[in-house]
Amino acid sequence: MSGNNKEYYMRAALAEANKAFEKQEVPVGAVIVCNDMIIARAHNLTETLKDPTAHAEMQAITAATNWLGGKYLTDCTIYITLEPCAMCAGALGWSQVPTIVFGAADEKKGYRTISGPLLHPKTVVESGILEKECREILVRFFKKKR
């Protein structure tokens, strides 16, 4: 996939992060792509739903599996503005998503801070797509909160 397509899909994830920002949610967005089509769009809803598991990735996984009619995302790529946490990485592993693309690293809560495999063994991970934009919305959100 060309870099331009990756940026296109990450911009769609950023649009979701902006929706979260407007709702006073931590601004993380995700889209799931299958056969060059976005089949799921989601953003954090933990405050809105009063549910600590309502992360963008979890919402996107549910929407995508409903759309596909099955529990596996074996032909999909997920684009996320922030590195998944351990919970979301585990869910992505169980869904067998083959490719994860994220914008900004999460040095505090990202799945890479946990030792041991959380993702499916064949999962390919790519990071840094629109990293500056993905990080900037988070910085803006937390500055506003302080």
N, C-alpha and C. Protein backbone atom coordinates (compact mmCIF):
# COMPACT_ATOMS: atom_id res chain seq x y z
N MET A 1 0.85 -1.18 0.00
CA MET A 1 0.00 0.00 0.00
C MET A 1 0.89 1.23 0.00
N SER A 2 0.51 2.19 -0.77
CA SER A 2 1.33 3.40 -0.86
C SER A 2 1.20 4.24 0.40
N GLY A 3 2.20 5.07 0.62
CA GLY A 3 2.20 5.97 1.76
C GLY A 3 1.01 6.91 1.75
N ASN A 4 0.58 7.32 0.56
CA ASN A 4 -0.57 8.23 0.46
C ASN A 4 -1.84 7.57 0.97
N ASN A 5 -2.05 6.28 0.66
CA ASN A 5 -3.23 5.57 1.17
C ASN A 5 -3.17 5.47 2.68
N LYS A 6 -2.01 5.20 3.22
CA LYS A 6 -1.86 5.10 4.67
C LYS A 6 -2.19 6.43 5.33
N GLU A 7 -1.72 7.51 4.72
CA GLU A 7 -2.03 8.83 5.26
C GLU A 7 -3.52 9.13 5.14
N TYR A 8 -4.13 8.73 4.04
CA TYR A 8 -5.57 8.93 3.86
C TYR A 8 -6.36 8.25 4.99
N TYR A 9 -6.03 6.99 5.26
CA TYR A 9 -6.75 6.25 6.30
C TYR A 9 -6.43 6.80 7.69
N MET A 10 -5.19 7.24 7.90
CA MET A 10 -4.85 7.81 9.20
C MET A 10 -5.58 9.14 9.39
N ARG A 11 -5.76 9.89 8.32
CA ARG A 11 -6.54 11.14 8.44
C ARG A 11 -7.99 10.83 8.81
N ALA A 12 -8.52 9.72 8.32
CA ALA A 12 -9.87 9.31 8.71
C ALA A 12 -9.89 8.96 10.20
N ALA A 13 -8.84 8.32 10.69
CA ALA A 13 -8.74 8.02 12.12
C ALA A 13 -8.61 9.32 12.92
N LEU A 14 -7.85 10.28 12.40
CA LEU A 14 -7.72 11.58 13.06
C LEU A 14 -9.06 12.31 13.12
N ALA A 15 -9.88 12.17 12.09
CA ALA A 15 -11.22 12.78 12.11
C ALA A 15 -12.03 12.19 13.26
N GLU A 16 -11.87 10.89 13.50
CA GLU A 16 -12.55 10.25 14.63
C GLU A 16 -11.99 10.77 15.95
N ALA A 17 -10.67 10.95 16.02
CA ALA A 17 -10.05 11.50 17.24
C ALA A 17 -10.60 12.89 17.54
N ASN A 18 -10.82 13.68 16.49
CA ASN A 18 -11.41 15.01 16.68
C ASN A 18 -12.82 14.92 17.23
N LYS A 19 -13.59 13.93 16.83
CA LYS A 19 -14.93 13.73 17.39
C LYS A 19 -14.84 13.45 18.88
N ALA A 20 -13.87 12.62 19.26
CA ALA A 20 -13.66 12.33 20.68
C ALA A 20 -13.28 13.61 21.43
N PHE A 21 -12.38 14.39 20.85
CA PHE A 21 -11.94 15.65 21.46
C PHE A 21 -13.14 16.55 21.75
N GLU A 22 -14.03 16.67 20.77
CA GLU A 22 -15.22 17.52 20.92
C GLU A 22 -16.15 17.02 22.03
N LYS A 23 -16.10 15.73 22.33
CA LYS A 23 -16.94 15.13 23.38
C LYS A 23 -16.23 15.08 24.74
N GLN A 24 -15.07 15.74 24.85
CA GLN A 24 -14.27 15.71 26.08
C GLN A 24 -13.72 14.31 26.37
N GLU A 25 -13.58 13.49 25.35
CA GLU A 25 -12.98 12.16 25.46
C GLU A 25 -11.51 12.26 25.09
N VAL A 26 -10.69 11.36 25.62
CA VAL A 26 -9.29 11.30 25.17
C VAL A 26 -9.33 11.09 23.66
N PRO A 27 -8.69 11.99 22.90
CA PRO A 27 -8.85 11.99 21.45
C PRO A 27 -8.06 10.91 20.71
N VAL A 28 -8.62 9.73 20.71
CA VAL A 28 -8.05 8.62 19.97
C VAL A 28 -9.12 8.15 18.99
N GLY A 29 -8.69 7.95 17.74
CA GLY A 29 -9.61 7.48 16.71
C GLY A 29 -9.04 6.28 16.01
N ALA A 30 -9.94 5.50 15.40
CA ALA A 30 -9.54 4.30 14.68
C ALA A 30 -10.46 4.07 13.49
N VAL A 31 -9.89 3.52 12.43
CA VAL A 31 -10.69 3.03 11.31
C VAL A 31 -10.17 1.65 10.94
N ILE A 32 -11.06 0.81 10.47
CA ILE A 32 -10.68 -0.51 9.99
C ILE A 32 -11.00 -0.57 8.51
N VAL A 33 -10.00 -1.00 7.74
CA VAL A 33 -10.08 -1.04 6.28
C VAL A 33 -10.05 -2.49 5.81
N CYS A 34 -10.95 -2.81 4.88
CA CYS A 34 -11.00 -4.14 4.27
C CYS A 34 -11.22 -3.95 2.77
N ASN A 35 -10.35 -4.53 1.97
CA ASN A 35 -10.45 -4.39 0.51
C ASN A 35 -10.54 -2.92 0.08
N ASP A 36 -9.66 -2.10 0.62
CA ASP A 36 -9.57 -0.66 0.29
C ASP A 36 -10.83 0.11 0.63
N MET A 37 -11.63 -0.38 1.58
CA MET A 37 -12.85 0.31 2.00
C MET A 37 -12.87 0.40 3.53
N ILE A 38 -13.21 1.58 4.04
CA ILE A 38 -13.35 1.72 5.48
C ILE A 38 -14.66 1.04 5.87
N ILE A 39 -14.55 0.01 6.72
CA ILE A 39 -15.75 -0.72 7.15
C ILE A 39 -16.14 -0.38 8.59
N ALA A 40 -15.27 0.33 9.31
CA ALA A 40 -15.59 0.73 10.68
C ALA A 40 -14.84 2.00 11.01
N ARG A 41 -15.52 2.89 11.70
CA ARG A 41 -14.94 4.14 12.20
C ARG A 41 -15.33 4.23 13.67
N ALA A 42 -14.39 4.65 14.50
CA ALA A 42 -14.71 4.73 15.93
C ALA A 42 -13.75 5.68 16.63
N HIS A 43 -14.18 6.12 17.80
CA HIS A 43 -13.35 6.94 18.67
C HIS A 43 -13.64 6.57 20.12
N ASN A 44 -12.79 7.04 21.01
CA ASN A 44 -12.97 6.74 22.42
C ASN A 44 -14.34 7.20 22.90
N LEU A 45 -14.98 6.36 23.70
CA LEU A 45 -16.28 6.68 24.29
C LEU A 45 -16.32 6.29 25.76
N THR A 46 -15.18 6.25 26.41
CA THR A 46 -15.14 5.78 27.80
C THR A 46 -15.92 6.67 28.75
N GLU A 47 -15.87 7.97 28.55
CA GLU A 47 -16.61 8.90 29.41
C GLU A 47 -18.10 8.87 29.06
N THR A 48 -18.39 8.92 27.78
CA THR A 48 -19.78 8.94 27.31
C THR A 48 -20.54 7.70 27.78
N LEU A 49 -19.91 6.54 27.62
CA LEU A 49 -20.57 5.28 27.98
C LEU A 49 -20.29 4.85 29.41
N LYS A 50 -19.42 5.61 30.11
CA LYS A 50 -18.98 5.25 31.46
C LYS A 50 -18.50 3.79 31.48
N ASP A 51 -17.65 3.50 30.51
CA ASP A 51 -17.15 2.14 30.28
C ASP A 51 -15.66 2.21 29.99
N PRO A 52 -14.82 1.69 30.89
CA PRO A 52 -13.37 1.77 30.67
C PRO A 52 -12.88 0.95 29.49
N THR A 53 -13.72 0.08 28.94
CA THR A 53 -13.30 -0.71 27.78
C THR A 53 -13.73 -0.08 26.46
N ALA A 54 -14.37 1.06 26.49
CA ALA A 54 -14.91 1.68 25.27
C ALA A 54 -13.85 2.48 24.51
N HIS A 55 -12.68 1.88 24.34
CA HIS A 55 -11.61 2.51 23.57
C HIS A 55 -11.96 2.48 22.09
N ALA A 56 -11.33 3.34 21.33
CA ALA A 56 -11.60 3.44 19.89
C ALA A 56 -11.42 2.09 19.20
N GLU A 57 -10.35 1.39 19.53
CA GLU A 57 -10.09 0.10 18.89
C GLU A 57 -11.19 -0.91 19.19
N MET A 58 -11.64 -0.96 20.43
CA MET A 58 -12.68 -1.91 20.82
C MET A 58 -13.98 -1.61 20.08
N GLN A 59 -14.32 -0.33 19.98
CA GLN A 59 -15.52 0.08 19.25
C GLN A 59 -15.40 -0.29 17.77
N ALA A 60 -14.21 -0.07 17.22
CA ALA A 60 -13.98 -0.37 15.80
C ALA A 60 -14.03 -1.88 15.53
N ILE A 61 -13.44 -2.66 16.42
CA ILE A 61 -13.48 -4.12 16.26
C ILE A 61 -14.93 -4.61 16.23
N THR A 62 -15.72 -4.14 17.17
CA THR A 62 -17.13 -4.55 17.23
C THR A 62 -17.87 -4.16 15.96
N ALA A 63 -17.67 -2.94 15.51
CA ALA A 63 -18.35 -2.48 14.29
C ALA A 63 -17.91 -3.30 13.07
N ALA A 64 -16.61 -3.56 12.98
CA ALA A 64 -16.09 -4.30 11.81
C ALA A 64 -16.55 -5.75 11.80
N THR A 65 -16.52 -6.40 12.96
CA THR A 65 -16.96 -7.80 12.99
C THR A 65 -18.46 -7.90 12.72
N ASN A 66 -19.22 -6.93 13.18
CA ASN A 66 -20.65 -6.90 12.85
C ASN A 66 -20.85 -6.73 11.35
N TRP A 67 -20.08 -5.83 10.75
CA TRP A 67 -20.20 -5.57 9.31
C TRP A 67 -19.83 -6.81 8.51
N LEU A 68 -18.76 -7.50 8.94
CA LEU A 68 -18.29 -8.68 8.22
C LEU A 68 -19.10 -9.94 8.54
N GLY A 69 -19.76 -9.94 9.69
CA GLY A 69 -20.54 -11.11 10.07
C GLY A 69 -19.71 -12.24 10.65
N GLY A 70 -18.55 -11.92 11.21
CA GLY A 70 -17.69 -12.93 11.81
C GLY A 70 -16.73 -12.29 12.80
N LYS A 71 -16.08 -13.13 13.61
CA LYS A 71 -15.24 -12.58 14.67
C LYS A 71 -13.79 -12.29 14.27
N TYR A 72 -13.40 -12.67 13.07
CA TYR A 72 -12.02 -12.46 12.66
C TYR A 72 -11.90 -11.35 11.62
N LEU A 73 -10.82 -10.59 11.75
CA LEU A 73 -10.53 -9.47 10.84
C LEU A 73 -9.30 -9.80 10.01
N THR A 74 -9.25 -11.02 9.48
CA THR A 74 -8.05 -11.53 8.82
C THR A 74 -7.70 -10.82 7.51
N ASP A 75 -8.63 -10.09 6.92
CA ASP A 75 -8.36 -9.36 5.67
C ASP A 75 -8.37 -7.85 5.89
N CYS A 76 -8.15 -7.42 7.12
CA CYS A 76 -8.31 -6.01 7.47
C CYS A 76 -7.01 -5.38 7.97
N THR A 77 -7.00 -4.07 7.93
CA THR A 77 -5.94 -3.26 8.55
C THR A 77 -6.62 -2.26 9.45
N ILE A 78 -6.10 -2.08 10.65
CA ILE A 78 -6.62 -1.06 11.55
C ILE A 78 -5.63 0.09 11.61
N TYR A 79 -6.15 1.30 11.51
CA TYR A 79 -5.38 2.54 11.64
C TYR A 79 -5.84 3.21 12.92
N ILE A 80 -4.89 3.50 13.81
CA ILE A 80 -5.20 4.07 15.11
C ILE A 80 -4.27 5.26 15.33
N THR A 81 -4.80 6.32 15.89
CA THR A 81 -3.98 7.52 16.09
C THR A 81 -2.96 7.34 17.20
N LEU A 82 -3.20 6.40 18.12
CA LEU A 82 -2.30 6.19 19.25
C LEU A 82 -2.02 4.69 19.38
N GLU A 83 -0.82 4.35 19.76
CA GLU A 83 -0.45 2.95 20.00
C GLU A 83 -1.48 2.30 20.91
N PRO A 84 -1.95 1.11 20.56
CA PRO A 84 -2.95 0.44 21.40
C PRO A 84 -2.42 0.10 22.80
N CYS A 85 -3.32 0.11 23.77
CA CYS A 85 -2.98 -0.34 25.12
C CYS A 85 -2.97 -1.87 25.12
N ALA A 86 -2.61 -2.46 26.23
CA ALA A 86 -2.55 -3.92 26.34
C ALA A 86 -3.92 -4.56 26.09
N MET A 87 -4.98 -3.96 26.61
CA MET A 87 -6.32 -4.51 26.41
C MET A 87 -6.68 -4.54 24.93
N CYS A 88 -6.45 -3.44 24.25
CA CYS A 88 -6.79 -3.35 22.83
C CYS A 88 -5.88 -4.23 21.98
N ALA A 89 -4.61 -4.30 22.33
CA ALA A 89 -3.69 -5.18 21.59
C ALA A 89 -4.14 -6.63 21.73
N GLY A 90 -4.56 -7.01 22.93
CA GLY A 90 -5.07 -8.36 23.13
C GLY A 90 -6.30 -8.63 22.27
N ALA A 91 -7.22 -7.67 22.23
CA ALA A 91 -8.43 -7.83 21.41
C ALA A 91 -8.07 -7.89 19.92
N LEU A 92 -7.11 -7.08 19.51
CA LEU A 92 -6.67 -7.12 18.11
C LEU A 92 -6.01 -8.47 17.80
N GLY A 93 -5.29 -9.01 18.77
CA GLY A 93 -4.70 -10.33 18.60
C GLY A 93 -5.77 -11.40 18.45
N TRP A 94 -6.79 -11.35 19.29
CA TRP A 94 -7.88 -12.33 19.22
C TRP A 94 -8.66 -12.20 17.92
N SER A 95 -8.75 -10.98 17.40
CA SER A 95 -9.48 -10.77 16.13
C SER A 95 -8.64 -11.16 14.92
N GLN A 96 -7.37 -11.45 15.15
CA GLN A 96 -6.42 -11.86 14.12
C GLN A 96 -6.24 -10.82 13.01
N VAL A 97 -6.33 -9.55 13.39
CA VAL A 97 -6.06 -8.50 12.41
C VAL A 97 -4.60 -8.61 11.98
N PRO A 98 -4.34 -8.68 10.68
CA PRO A 98 -2.96 -8.92 10.24
C PRO A 98 -2.06 -7.67 10.25
N THR A 99 -2.66 -6.48 10.19
CA THR A 99 -1.85 -5.27 10.11
C THR A 99 -2.42 -4.19 11.01
N ILE A 100 -1.54 -3.62 11.83
CA ILE A 100 -1.89 -2.50 12.70
C ILE A 100 -0.99 -1.33 12.32
N VAL A 101 -1.59 -0.19 12.07
CA VAL A 101 -0.85 1.02 11.76
C VAL A 101 -1.26 2.06 12.79
N PHE A 102 -0.29 2.61 13.52
CA PHE A 102 -0.65 3.66 14.48
C PHE A 102 0.22 4.88 14.28
N GLY A 103 -0.31 6.01 14.72
CA GLY A 103 0.38 7.27 14.55
C GLY A 103 1.42 7.53 15.62
N ALA A 104 0.97 7.80 16.84
CA ALA A 104 1.86 8.18 17.93
C ALA A 104 2.07 7.02 18.89
N ALA A 105 3.29 6.90 19.39
CA ALA A 105 3.60 5.89 20.41
C ALA A 105 3.02 6.34 21.74
N ASP A 106 2.70 5.38 22.59
CA ASP A 106 2.24 5.66 23.95
C ASP A 106 3.24 5.04 24.92
N GLU A 107 4.20 5.87 25.35
CA GLU A 107 5.28 5.38 26.20
C GLU A 107 4.81 4.94 27.58
N LYS A 108 3.66 5.42 28.03
CA LYS A 108 3.16 5.10 29.38
C LYS A 108 2.25 3.88 29.40
N LYS A 109 1.32 3.79 28.45
CA LYS A 109 0.30 2.74 28.51
C LYS A 109 0.24 1.87 27.25
N GLY A 110 1.13 2.09 26.31
CA GLY A 110 1.12 1.32 25.07
C GLY A 110 1.43 -0.15 25.29
N TYR A 111 0.94 -0.99 24.40
CA TYR A 111 1.13 -2.44 24.56
C TYR A 111 2.60 -2.83 24.57
N ARG A 112 3.46 -2.03 23.96
CA ARG A 112 4.88 -2.39 23.91
C ARG A 112 5.57 -2.25 25.25
N THR A 113 4.89 -1.65 26.25
CA THR A 113 5.46 -1.55 27.59
C THR A 113 5.28 -2.86 28.38
N ILE A 114 4.47 -3.77 27.85
CA ILE A 114 4.19 -5.06 28.49
C ILE A 114 5.10 -6.12 27.87
N SER A 115 5.69 -6.95 28.71
CA SER A 115 6.51 -8.03 28.15
C SER A 115 5.61 -9.20 27.79
N GLY A 116 6.00 -9.90 26.77
CA GLY A 116 5.22 -11.04 26.31
C GLY A 116 4.36 -10.65 25.13
N PRO A 117 4.02 -11.64 24.31
CA PRO A 117 3.25 -11.36 23.09
C PRO A 117 1.77 -11.10 23.38
N LEU A 118 1.25 -10.02 22.85
CA LEU A 118 -0.17 -9.71 22.96
C LEU A 118 -0.87 -9.82 21.61
N LEU A 119 -0.12 -9.60 20.54
CA LEU A 119 -0.69 -9.62 19.21
C LEU A 119 -0.61 -11.02 18.61
N HIS A 120 -1.35 -11.24 17.57
CA HIS A 120 -1.26 -12.50 16.82
C HIS A 120 0.17 -12.60 16.29
N PRO A 121 0.76 -13.77 16.28
CA PRO A 121 2.17 -13.91 15.87
C PRO A 121 2.48 -13.40 14.46
N LYS A 122 1.51 -13.40 13.58
CA LYS A 122 1.75 -12.96 12.20
C LYS A 122 1.43 -11.49 11.98
N THR A 123 1.00 -10.79 13.02
CA THR A 123 0.62 -9.38 12.86
C THR A 123 1.82 -8.52 12.50
N VAL A 124 1.64 -7.66 11.52
CA VAL A 124 2.64 -6.68 11.12
C VAL A 124 2.23 -5.35 11.74
N VAL A 125 3.18 -4.67 12.36
CA VAL A 125 2.89 -3.38 12.99
C VAL A 125 3.74 -2.31 12.32
N GLU A 126 3.08 -1.20 11.99
CA GLU A 126 3.79 -0.05 11.43
C GLU A 126 3.40 1.16 12.25
N SER A 127 4.35 2.00 12.55
CA SER A 127 4.05 3.17 13.37
C SER A 127 4.61 4.43 12.71
N GLY A 128 4.21 5.56 13.26
CA GLY A 128 4.74 6.84 12.82
C GLY A 128 4.00 7.49 11.66
N ILE A 129 2.90 6.92 11.21
CA ILE A 129 2.12 7.55 10.12
C ILE A 129 1.40 8.76 10.69
N LEU A 130 1.68 9.93 10.16
CA LEU A 130 1.14 11.21 10.64
C LEU A 130 1.35 11.37 12.15
N GLU A 131 2.50 10.93 12.61
CA GLU A 131 2.80 10.94 14.04
C GLU A 131 2.63 12.33 14.66
N LYS A 132 3.12 13.35 13.99
CA LYS A 132 3.05 14.70 14.54
C LYS A 132 1.60 15.11 14.79
N GLU A 133 0.73 14.89 13.82
CA GLU A 133 -0.67 15.28 13.95
C GLU A 133 -1.37 14.45 15.03
N CYS A 134 -1.04 13.17 15.09
CA CYS A 134 -1.65 12.28 16.08
C CYS A 134 -1.24 12.67 17.49
N ARG A 135 0.02 13.03 17.67
CA ARG A 135 0.50 13.44 18.99
C ARG A 135 -0.06 14.82 19.37
N GLU A 136 -0.14 15.72 18.39
CA GLU A 136 -0.57 17.09 18.65
C GLU A 136 -1.97 17.16 19.25
N ILE A 137 -2.90 16.37 18.74
CA ILE A 137 -4.27 16.42 19.28
C ILE A 137 -4.30 15.95 20.72
N LEU A 138 -3.47 14.98 21.07
CA LEU A 138 -3.41 14.52 22.46
C LEU A 138 -2.82 15.59 23.36
N VAL A 139 -1.75 16.22 22.91
CA VAL A 139 -1.12 17.29 23.70
C VAL A 139 -2.12 18.42 23.92
N ARG A 140 -2.82 18.81 22.87
CA ARG A 140 -3.82 19.88 22.97
C ARG A 140 -4.92 19.51 23.97
N PHE A 141 -5.38 18.27 23.92
CA PHE A 141 -6.43 17.81 24.82
C PHE A 141 -5.99 17.89 26.27
N PHE A 142 -4.80 17.36 26.57
CA PHE A 142 -4.36 17.32 27.96
C PHE A 142 -3.94 18.70 28.47
N LYS A 143 -3.48 19.59 27.60
CA LYS A 143 -3.21 20.98 28.02
C LYS A 143 -4.51 21.65 28.42
N LYS A 144 -5.56 21.40 27.67
CA LYS A 144 -6.88 21.98 27.95
C LYS A 144 -7.42 21.47 29.29
N LYS A 145 -7.11 20.23 29.63
CA LYS A 145 -7.59 19.63 30.88
C LYS A 145 -6.88 20.18 32.11
N ARG A 146 -5.66 20.66 31.93
CA ARG A 146 -4.87 21.12 33.09
C ARG A 146 -5.10 22.55 33.40
